[in-house]
C-alpha atoms as a PDB file:
ATOM      1  CA  MET A   1      99.092 122.316  69.688  1.00  0.00           C
ATOM      2  CA  SER A   2      96.506 121.566  72.318  1.00  0.00           C
ATOM      3  CA  GLU A   3      96.044 123.875  75.399  1.00  0.00           C
ATOM      4  CA  GLU A   4      96.973 121.056  77.709  1.00  0.00           C
ATOM      5  CA  LYS A   5     100.268 120.326  75.722  1.00  0.00           C
ATOM      6  CA  ILE A   6     101.166 123.977  75.865  1.00  0.00           C
ATOM      7  CA  GLU A   7     100.528 124.041  79.653  1.00  0.00           C
ATOM      8  CA  VAL A   8     102.681 120.905  80.072  1.00  0.00           C
ATOM      9  CA  GLU A   9     105.479 122.448  78.068  1.00  0.00           C
ATOM     10  CA  GLU A  10     105.384 125.675  80.169  1.00  0.00           C
ATOM     11  CA  GLY A  11     105.613 123.490  83.216  1.00  0.00           C
ATOM     12  CA  LYS A  12     108.721 121.714  81.914  1.00  0.00           C
ATOM     13  CA  LYS A  13     110.267 125.127  81.340  1.00  0.00           C
ATOM     14  CA  LYS A  14     109.746 125.891  84.970  1.00  0.00           C
ATOM     15  CA  GLY A  15     111.676 122.810  85.900  1.00  0.00           C
ATOM     16  CA  LEU A  16     108.873 120.720  86.956  1.00  0.00           C
ATOM     17  CA  ASN A  17     108.288 117.089  85.961  1.00  0.00           C
ATOM     18  CA  LEU A  18     104.707 116.135  84.881  1.00  0.00           C
ATOM     19  CA  ARG A  19     103.794 114.796  88.361  1.00  0.00           C
ATOM     20  CA  GLN A  20     104.922 118.123  89.898  1.00  0.00           C
ATOM     21  CA  TYR A  21     103.370 120.234  87.261  1.00  0.00           C
ATOM     22  CA  ALA A  22      99.869 118.984  87.209  1.00  0.00           C
ATOM     23  CA  PRO A  23      98.922 119.962  90.673  1.00  0.00           C
ATOM     24  CA  ILE A  24     100.602 123.410  90.464  1.00  0.00           C
ATOM     25  CA  ILE A  25      98.805 124.746  87.340  1.00  0.00           C
ATOM     26  CA  GLU A  26      95.915 127.007  88.182  1.00  0.00           C
ATOM     27  CA  LYS A  27      93.824 125.229  85.625  1.00  0.00           C
ATOM     28  CA  PHE A  28      94.053 121.850  87.433  1.00  0.00           C
ATOM     29  CA  GLN A  29      90.304 121.297  87.294  1.00  0.00           C
ATOM     30  CA  LYS A  30      90.365 121.837  83.467  1.00  0.00           C
ATOM     31  CA  LEU A  31      92.701 118.950  82.790  1.00  0.00           C
ATOM     32  CA  SER A  32      90.873 116.374  80.794  1.00  0.00           C
ATOM     33  CA  PRO A  33      90.074 113.057  82.487  1.00  0.00           C
ATOM     34  CA  GLU A  34      92.549 111.330  80.181  1.00  0.00           C
ATOM     35  CA  THR A  35      95.411 113.682  81.107  1.00  0.00           C
ATOM     36  CA  ARG A  36      94.602 113.278  84.803  1.00  0.00           C
ATOM     37  CA  GLU A  37      94.526 109.575  84.516  1.00  0.00           C
ATOM     38  CA  LYS A  38      97.782 109.490  82.586  1.00  0.00           C
ATOM     39  CA  LEU A  39      99.319 111.535  85.507  1.00  0.00           C
ATOM     40  CA  GLY A  40      97.668 109.304  88.076  1.00  0.00           C
ATOM     41  CA  LEU A  41      95.712 112.187  89.607  1.00  0.00           C
ATOM     42  CA  LYS A  42      92.023 112.027  90.550  1.00  0.00           C
ATOM     43  CA  SER A  43      91.576 115.167  92.745  1.00  0.00           C
ATOM     44  CA  LEU A  44      93.481 118.029  94.298  1.00  0.00           C
ATOM     45  CA  LYS A  45      93.416 116.099  97.631  1.00  0.00           C
ATOM     46  CA  ASP A  46      95.007 113.034  95.922  1.00  0.00           C
ATOM     47  CA  VAL A  47      97.686 115.255  94.493  1.00  0.00           C
ATOM     48  CA  PHE A  48      98.389 117.016  97.787  1.00  0.00           C
ATOM     49  CA  LEU A  49      98.345 113.821  99.881  1.00  0.00           C
ATOM     50  CA  THR A  50     100.535 111.748  97.547  1.00  0.00           C
ATOM     51  CA  GLU A  51     103.137 114.536  97.238  1.00  0.00           C
ATOM     52  CA  THR A  52     105.961 113.773  99.739  1.00  0.00           C
ATOM     53  CA  ASN A  53     108.305 116.676  99.032  1.00  0.00           C
ATOM     54  CA  ALA A  54     107.402 119.546 101.436  1.00  0.00           C
ATOM     55  CA  GLU A  55     108.675 122.153  98.914  1.00  0.00           C
ATOM     56  CA  ASN A  56     106.326 120.746  96.287  1.00  0.00           C
ATOM     57  CA  ARG A  57     103.424 120.720  98.767  1.00  0.00           C
ATOM     58  CA  MET A  58     104.158 124.378  99.363  1.00  0.00           C
ATOM     59  CA  LYS A  59     103.929 125.092  95.669  1.00  0.00           C
ATOM     60  CA  ILE A  60     100.553 123.252  95.527  1.00  0.00           C
ATOM     61  CA  VAL A  61      99.290 125.458  98.206  1.00  0.00           C
ATOM     62  CA  LYS A  62     100.720 128.629  96.751  1.00  0.00           C
ATOM     63  CA  VAL A  63      99.076 128.122  93.417  1.00  0.00           C
ATOM     64  CA  ASN A  64      95.814 126.629  94.439  1.00  0.00           C
ATOM     65  CA  GLY A  65      95.329 128.546  97.629  1.00  0.00           C
ATOM     66  CA  ILE A  66      95.091 127.326 101.182  1.00  0.00           C
ATOM     67  CA  LYS A  67      91.245 127.439 100.979  1.00  0.00           C
ATOM     68  CA  ALA A  68      91.333 124.879  98.122  1.00  0.00           C
ATOM     69  CA  ILE A  69      93.445 122.572 100.344  1.00  0.00           C
ATOM     70  CA  TYR A  70      91.166 123.067 103.342  1.00  0.00           C
ATOM     71  CA  ASP A  71      88.158 122.291 101.153  1.00  0.00           C
ATOM     72  CA  ALA A  72      89.864 119.311  99.558  1.00  0.00           C
ATOM     73  CA  CYS A  73      90.846 117.866 102.970  1.00  0.00           C
ATOM     74  CA  GLY A  74      87.540 118.566 104.617  1.00  0.00           C
ATOM     75  CA  ALA A  75      88.793 121.189 107.093  1.00  0.00           C
ATOM     76  CA  THR A  76      86.654 121.776 110.175  1.00  0.00           C
ATOM     77  CA  SER A  77      87.145 124.659 112.498  1.00  0.00           C
ATOM     78  CA  VAL A  78      87.353 123.516 116.138  1.00  0.00           C
ATOM     79  CA  GLU A  79      88.106 126.939 117.750  1.00  0.00           C
ATOM     80  CA  VAL A  80      88.837 130.410 116.555  1.00  0.00           C
ATOM     81  CA  GLY A  81      91.050 132.505 118.721  1.00  0.00           C
ATOM     82  CA  ALA A  82      90.174 135.762 120.399  1.00  0.00           C
ATOM     83  CA  GLY A  83      92.123 138.132 122.674  1.00  0.00           C
ATOM     84  CA  GLU A  84      95.549 136.740 123.294  1.00  0.00           C
ATOM     85  CA  GLU A  85      94.890 133.930 120.898  1.00  0.00           C
ATOM     86  CA  ASP A  86      93.713 136.140 118.028  1.00  0.00           C
ATOM     87  CA  GLY A  87      95.304 135.117 114.788  1.00  0.00           C
ATOM     88  CA  TYR A  88      95.096 131.484 115.722  1.00  0.00           C
ATOM     89  CA  GLU A  89      92.564 128.817 114.815  1.00  0.00           C
ATOM     90  CA  LEU A  90      92.493 125.083 115.635  1.00  0.00           C
ATOM     91  CA  ILE A  91      91.296 123.065 112.657  1.00  0.00           C
ATOM     92  CA  THR A  92      91.082 119.369 111.732  1.00  0.00           C
ATOM     93  CA  LEU A  93      91.962 118.006 108.388  1.00  0.00           C
ATOM     94  CA  ASN A  94      91.297 114.557 106.965  1.00  0.00           C
ATOM     95  CA  MET A  95      94.648 113.542 105.459  1.00  0.00           C
ATOM     96  CA  GLY A  96      93.360 110.603 103.588  1.00  0.00           C
ATOM     97  CA  ASP A  97      92.933 108.047 106.262  1.00  0.00           C
ATOM     98  CA  ASN A  98      89.444 109.371 107.502  1.00  0.00           C
ATOM     99  CA  ARG A  99      91.067 110.503 110.794  1.00  0.00           C
ATOM    100  CA  HIS A 100      90.523 114.166 111.386  1.00  0.00           C
ATOM    101  CA  ARG A 101      93.897 115.394 112.668  1.00  0.00           C
ATOM    102  CA  PRO A 102      94.268 118.724 114.524  1.00  0.00           C
ATOM    103  CA  TYR A 103      96.337 121.591 112.994  1.00  0.00           C
ATOM    104  CA  LEU A 104      97.119 125.028 114.362  1.00  0.00           C
ATOM    105  CA  LYS A 105      96.407 127.737 111.800  1.00  0.00           C
ATOM    106  CA  MET A 106      98.399 130.871 112.488  1.00  0.00           C
ATOM    107  CA  VAL A 107      98.200 134.218 110.714  1.00  0.00           C
ATOM    108  CA  ASN A 108     101.487 136.238 110.676  1.00  0.00           C
ATOM    109  CA  PRO A 109     100.398 139.699 111.920  1.00  0.00           C
ATOM    110  CA  SER A 110     103.025 141.461 109.832  1.00  0.00           C
ATOM    111  CA  THR A 111     102.635 139.784 106.423  1.00  0.00           C
ATOM    112  CA  GLN A 112      99.099 138.198 106.851  1.00  0.00           C
ATOM    113  CA  GLU A 113     100.702 134.936 105.560  1.00  0.00           C
ATOM    114  CA  ILE A 114      98.773 131.725 106.762  1.00  0.00           C
ATOM    115  CA  HIS A 115     100.813 128.921 108.132  1.00  0.00           C
ATOM    116  CA  ILE A 116      99.512 125.595 109.541  1.00  0.00           C
ATOM    117  CA  GLU A 117     101.319 123.130 111.767  1.00  0.00           C
ATOM    118  CA  GLY A 118     100.139 119.700 112.913  1.00  0.00           C
ATOM    119  CA  VAL A 119      99.753 119.358 116.674  1.00  0.00           C
ATOM    120  CA  HIS A 120      99.390 116.437 118.992  1.00  0.00           C
ATOM    121  CA  PRO A 121      96.074 114.556 118.578  1.00  0.00           C
ATOM    122  CA  ASP A 122      95.056 115.244 122.097  1.00  0.00           C
ATOM    123  CA  CYS A 123      95.002 118.967 121.518  1.00  0.00           C
ATOM    124  CA  LYS A 124      91.338 120.069 121.620  1.00  0.00           C
ATOM    125  CA  THR A 125      91.885 123.823 122.186  1.00  0.00           C
ATOM    126  CA  ILE A 126      94.152 126.541 120.893  1.00  0.00           C
ATOM    127  CA  LYS A 127      95.629 127.056 124.315  1.00  0.00           C
ATOM    128  CA  ALA A 128      96.593 123.268 124.417  1.00  0.00           C
ATOM    129  CA  ALA A 129      97.972 123.330 120.887  1.00  0.00           C
ATOM    130  CA  LEU A 130     100.088 126.429 121.707  1.00  0.00           C
ATOM    131  CA  GLU A 131     101.318 124.792 124.973  1.00  0.00           C
ATOM    132  CA  TRP A 132     102.245 121.571 123.015  1.00  0.00           C
ATOM    133  CA  ARG A 133     103.907 123.535 120.185  1.00  0.00           C
ATOM    134  CA  ASN A 134     105.890 125.853 122.574  1.00  0.00           C
ATOM    135  CA  LYS A 135     106.619 122.820 124.943  1.00  0.00           C
ATOM    136  CA  THR A 136     105.552 124.992 127.869  1.00  0.00           C
ATOM    137  CA  PRO A 137     102.379 126.600 129.299  1.00  0.00           C
ATOM    138  CA  ASP A 138     104.256 129.909 129.649  1.00  0.00           C
ATOM    139  CA  LYS A 139     103.521 132.561 127.048  1.00  0.00           C
ATOM    140  CA  PRO A 140     106.412 133.328 124.683  1.00  0.00           C
ATOM    141  CA  VAL A 141     108.411 136.462 125.420  1.00  0.00           C
ATOM    142  CA  GLU A 142     107.696 139.239 122.916  1.00  0.00           C
ATOM    143  CA  LEU A 143     110.793 140.307 121.135  1.00  0.00           C
ATOM    144  CA  THR A 144     111.256 144.031 120.457  1.00  0.00           C
END
């Protein structure tokens, strides 16, 4: 049995159909061109952008890493936070339509988990993105 066939079978055992399975495997780049074509996949960016299910997108990010998604979507850093904005970064991603859309990248200080959220296209700074996200210019109250 070929290595690709074994990987597909392992993916099926995890409850993934072929379309969900292909982007999630760590060896995505090693799939033969024929297998990729059969699955309708050209690149990690194609896979990520054509997946409409948020849970599956999360799996794609988890297995491939956020850096791979950033690279695939042409991430550009607009501003890196410092001081009160430490742990935040404003980035832009090309989501397949050649428009670089702004996203607020946040690092959870407790778990170091990275999370990104789309923000309004007019947001050009971390401060503006936080104000848009929180719907107020006031700083959030710290919970104890």
